[in-house]
Protein backbone atom coordinates (compact mmCIF):
# COMPACT_ATOMS: atom_id res chain seq x y z
CA LYS A 1 -74.33 -50.97 -65.19
CA VAL A 2 -75.65 -51.16 -61.80
CA LEU A 3 -77.96 -53.88 -60.79
CA LYS A 4 -80.70 -53.87 -58.26
CA ASP A 5 -80.24 -55.23 -54.77
CA PRO A 6 -81.32 -58.81 -54.86
CA ARG A 7 -83.20 -58.79 -51.68
CA PHE A 8 -85.91 -56.41 -52.93
CA SER A 9 -86.97 -58.99 -55.81
CA ASP A 10 -90.53 -56.97 -55.96
CA VAL A 11 -88.46 -53.57 -56.98
CA THR A 12 -88.43 -53.03 -60.61
CA ASP A 13 -85.97 -51.27 -63.05
CA ALA A 14 -88.77 -48.36 -63.61
CA ASP A 15 -89.11 -48.08 -59.89
CA MET A 16 -85.52 -47.14 -59.28
CA GLN A 17 -85.61 -44.91 -62.50
CA ALA A 18 -88.56 -43.05 -60.69
CA ARG A 19 -86.62 -42.63 -57.87
CA TYR A 20 -83.27 -41.52 -59.56
CA ASP A 21 -85.19 -38.98 -61.58
CA LEU A 22 -86.65 -37.73 -58.09
CA GLU A 23 -83.73 -37.75 -56.46
CA HIS A 24 -82.33 -35.49 -59.57
CA GLN A 25 -84.91 -33.16 -59.35
CA ALA A 26 -84.14 -32.38 -55.55
CA VAL A 27 -80.46 -31.98 -56.33
CA ALA A 28 -81.79 -29.23 -58.87
CA LEU A 29 -83.44 -27.69 -56.22
CA TYR A 30 -80.67 -27.37 -53.99
CA ALA A 31 -78.37 -25.94 -56.90
CA THR A 32 -80.91 -23.25 -57.26
CA LEU A 33 -81.03 -22.31 -53.76
CA THR A 34 -77.18 -22.39 -53.74
CA LYS A 35 -77.20 -19.54 -56.68
CA ALA A 36 -79.66 -17.57 -54.75
CA VAL A 37 -77.57 -17.45 -51.71
CA HIS A 38 -74.17 -16.51 -53.81
CA ALA A 39 -76.07 -14.04 -55.41
CA LEU A 40 -76.92 -12.85 -51.99
CA HIS A 41 -73.54 -12.79 -50.61
CA ASP A 42 -71.69 -11.57 -53.36
CA SER A 43 -74.40 -8.67 -53.25
CA LYS A 44 -73.91 -8.08 -49.75
CA LYS A 45 -70.05 -8.06 -50.34
CA ASP A 46 -69.98 -5.35 -53.13
CA ILE A 47 -72.72 -3.19 -50.53
CA GLU A 48 -70.34 -3.33 -48.13
CA VAL A 49 -67.51 -1.83 -49.95
CA ILE A 50 -69.81 0.57 -51.10
CA LYS A 51 -70.82 1.74 -47.56
CA SER A 52 -67.32 1.78 -46.70
CA MET A 53 -66.46 4.21 -49.13
CA ALA A 54 -69.74 6.46 -48.47
CA ASP A 55 -68.73 6.09 -45.06
CA LYS A 56 -65.53 7.86 -45.49
CA ALA A 57 -67.01 10.40 -47.71
CA ALA A 58 -69.65 11.36 -45.97
CA GLY A 59 -69.63 14.61 -44.35
CA ASP A 60 -71.97 16.65 -41.95
CA ASP A 61 -74.49 17.19 -44.32
CA GLU A 62 -77.48 14.51 -43.65
CA GLU A 63 -78.84 14.99 -47.44
CA SER A 64 -75.18 14.61 -49.19
CA ALA A 65 -75.19 11.72 -51.82
CA ALA A 66 -72.54 9.70 -50.11
CA ASN A 67 -74.83 10.06 -46.41
CA LYS A 68 -77.65 9.07 -48.21
CA LEU A 69 -75.85 6.12 -49.96
CA ALA A 70 -74.61 4.77 -46.55
CA LYS A 71 -77.74 4.28 -45.03
CA SER A 72 -79.43 2.66 -48.16
CA ALA A 73 -76.43 0.71 -48.31
CA GLY A 74 -76.90 -0.39 -44.13
CA GLU A 75 -80.92 -1.05 -44.93
CA LEU A 76 -79.81 -3.41 -48.07
CA ILE A 77 -77.53 -5.29 -45.66
CA LYS A 78 -80.22 -6.05 -43.51
CA LYS A 79 -82.75 -6.69 -46.33
CA ILE A 80 -79.86 -9.50 -47.84
CA GLY A 81 -79.98 -10.95 -43.98
CA ASP A 82 -83.46 -11.16 -44.34
CA LEU A 83 -83.87 -12.79 -47.41
CA ASP A 84 -80.73 -15.14 -46.30
CA LYS A 85 -82.31 -16.17 -43.09
CA ASN A 86 -85.69 -17.22 -44.92
CA LEU A 87 -83.57 -19.41 -47.60
CA ARG A 88 -81.22 -21.02 -44.82
CA SER A 89 -79.96 -20.90 -41.22
CA LEU A 90 -77.05 -18.79 -41.40
CA PRO A 91 -73.28 -20.07 -40.48
CA LYS A 92 -72.76 -19.63 -37.12
CA THR A 93 -76.07 -19.46 -35.49
CA THR A 94 -76.00 -20.88 -32.31
CA GLY A 95 -78.88 -22.20 -29.94
CA ILE A 96 -82.21 -23.70 -31.27
CA VAL A 97 -83.82 -22.02 -34.35
CA ASP A 98 -86.94 -22.25 -35.83
CA GLU A 99 -86.26 -23.64 -39.37
CA SER A 100 -89.78 -24.61 -40.27
CA TYR A 101 -90.28 -22.15 -42.62
CA LYS A 102 -87.05 -22.15 -44.19
CA VAL A 103 -86.49 -22.97 -47.77
CA THR A 104 -83.84 -25.47 -46.94
CA SER A 105 -86.17 -27.30 -44.07
CA HIS A 106 -88.48 -27.90 -47.28
CA LEU A 107 -86.03 -29.22 -49.32
CA PHE A 108 -84.48 -31.43 -46.42
CA MET A 109 -87.70 -32.82 -45.80
CA ALA A 110 -88.07 -33.53 -49.46
CA TRP A 111 -84.63 -35.33 -49.55
CA GLY A 112 -85.48 -37.36 -46.91
CA TYR A 113 -88.60 -39.08 -48.36
CA VAL A 114 -87.38 -39.19 -51.63
CA GLY A 115 -84.05 -40.61 -50.80
CA GLY A 116 -85.50 -42.81 -47.52
CA ARG A 117 -86.78 -45.49 -49.33
CA TYR A 118 -85.26 -48.42 -52.11
CA GLY A 119 -87.20 -48.50 -55.09
CA LYS A 120 -90.53 -46.50 -56.44
CA PRO A 121 -90.74 -43.07 -54.57
CA THR A 122 -93.86 -42.64 -52.37
CA PRO A 123 -96.91 -40.15 -53.07
CA THR A 124 -95.66 -38.45 -50.01
CA ALA A 125 -91.95 -38.22 -51.27
CA GLU A 126 -93.56 -36.71 -54.50
CA ILE A 127 -95.85 -34.16 -52.65
CA TYR A 128 -92.99 -32.69 -50.18
CA LEU A 129 -90.57 -32.35 -53.32
CA GLU A 130 -93.82 -30.31 -54.42
CA LYS A 131 -94.12 -28.36 -51.56
CA ALA A 132 -89.99 -27.83 -51.77
CA LYS A 133 -90.62 -26.71 -55.16
CA ILE A 134 -93.29 -24.04 -54.07
CA GLU A 135 -91.21 -22.65 -51.43
CA LEU A 136 -88.01 -22.45 -53.13
CA ASP A 137 -89.81 -20.25 -55.95
CA LYS A 138 -91.38 -18.13 -53.05
CA GLY A 139 -87.52 -17.58 -51.68
CA VAL A 140 -85.89 -17.41 -55.26
CA GLY A 141 -88.58 -14.70 -56.19
CA LYS A 142 -88.13 -12.49 -53.30
CA VAL A 143 -84.01 -12.45 -54.31
CA ASN A 144 -84.94 -11.85 -57.90
CA GLU A 145 -87.59 -9.02 -56.91
CA PHE A 146 -84.24 -7.66 -54.61
CA ILE A 147 -81.99 -8.05 -57.59
CA GLU A 148 -83.97 -6.63 -59.79
CA LYS A 149 -85.44 -3.57 -57.95
CA ASP A 150 -83.75 -2.61 -54.63
CA LEU A 151 -80.19 -3.69 -55.92
CA ALA A 152 -80.74 -1.98 -59.48
CA GLU A 153 -81.63 1.18 -57.61
CA PHE A 154 -78.75 0.98 -55.30
CA LYS A 155 -76.69 0.84 -58.49
CA THR A 156 -78.05 3.97 -60.03
CA ALA A 157 -77.77 5.93 -56.71
CA PHE A 158 -73.99 4.59 -56.51
CA GLU A 159 -73.37 5.73 -60.21
CA ASN A 160 -74.85 8.69 -59.57
CA SER A 161 -73.27 9.40 -56.08
CA GLY A 162 -69.95 10.67 -57.78
CA LEU A 163 -68.00 8.11 -55.62
CA SER A 164 -65.43 5.88 -57.45
CA LEU A 165 -64.19 2.40 -56.51
CA LEU A 166 -60.60 3.82 -57.07
CA SER A 167 -59.28 6.77 -55.00
CA SER A 168 -58.30 9.66 -56.89
CA PRO A 169 -55.12 10.56 -54.77
CA LYS A 170 -53.21 13.99 -55.46
CA PRO A 171 -49.45 13.09 -56.61
CA ILE A 172 -46.99 12.92 -54.04
CA ALA A 173 -44.28 16.07 -53.70
CA LEU A 174 -41.12 16.23 -51.95
CA ASN A 175 -41.42 18.71 -48.94
């Protein structure tokens, strides 16, 4: 059993348990954020593969399924970038960036208040954690909407395009 710090005689086990519970709520929020980021990243990789295939298959006809699919893929990749930027600062971002609107900023702020005090969490910590939950819910809601609507439509367009992930090379014959 881990005992409380004897220098803080006014901190009870219940206070420590409340802090522990709040910290675990914050960790759960981070886990949810991570799942959303991974979903976007994985979707982007898949779309990039399909875009590459569509670009190879595209001809001069702007109305061809391959050209439409390539254009749609480009739009989705941009949308994924926007969704990802709303959730976090992207890797390799340089310079001073306004992060006040990013979901990670709200989570970091909540984590700072939750974990920054020994003993019972302050009302401020609870407020910031609640605000982080609200912002995360908004961000994840946008990601889910993207997956359920935009990505599903793109998947259907890919399936109907006649393109295949595996190429169909002709048999090789000796000359």
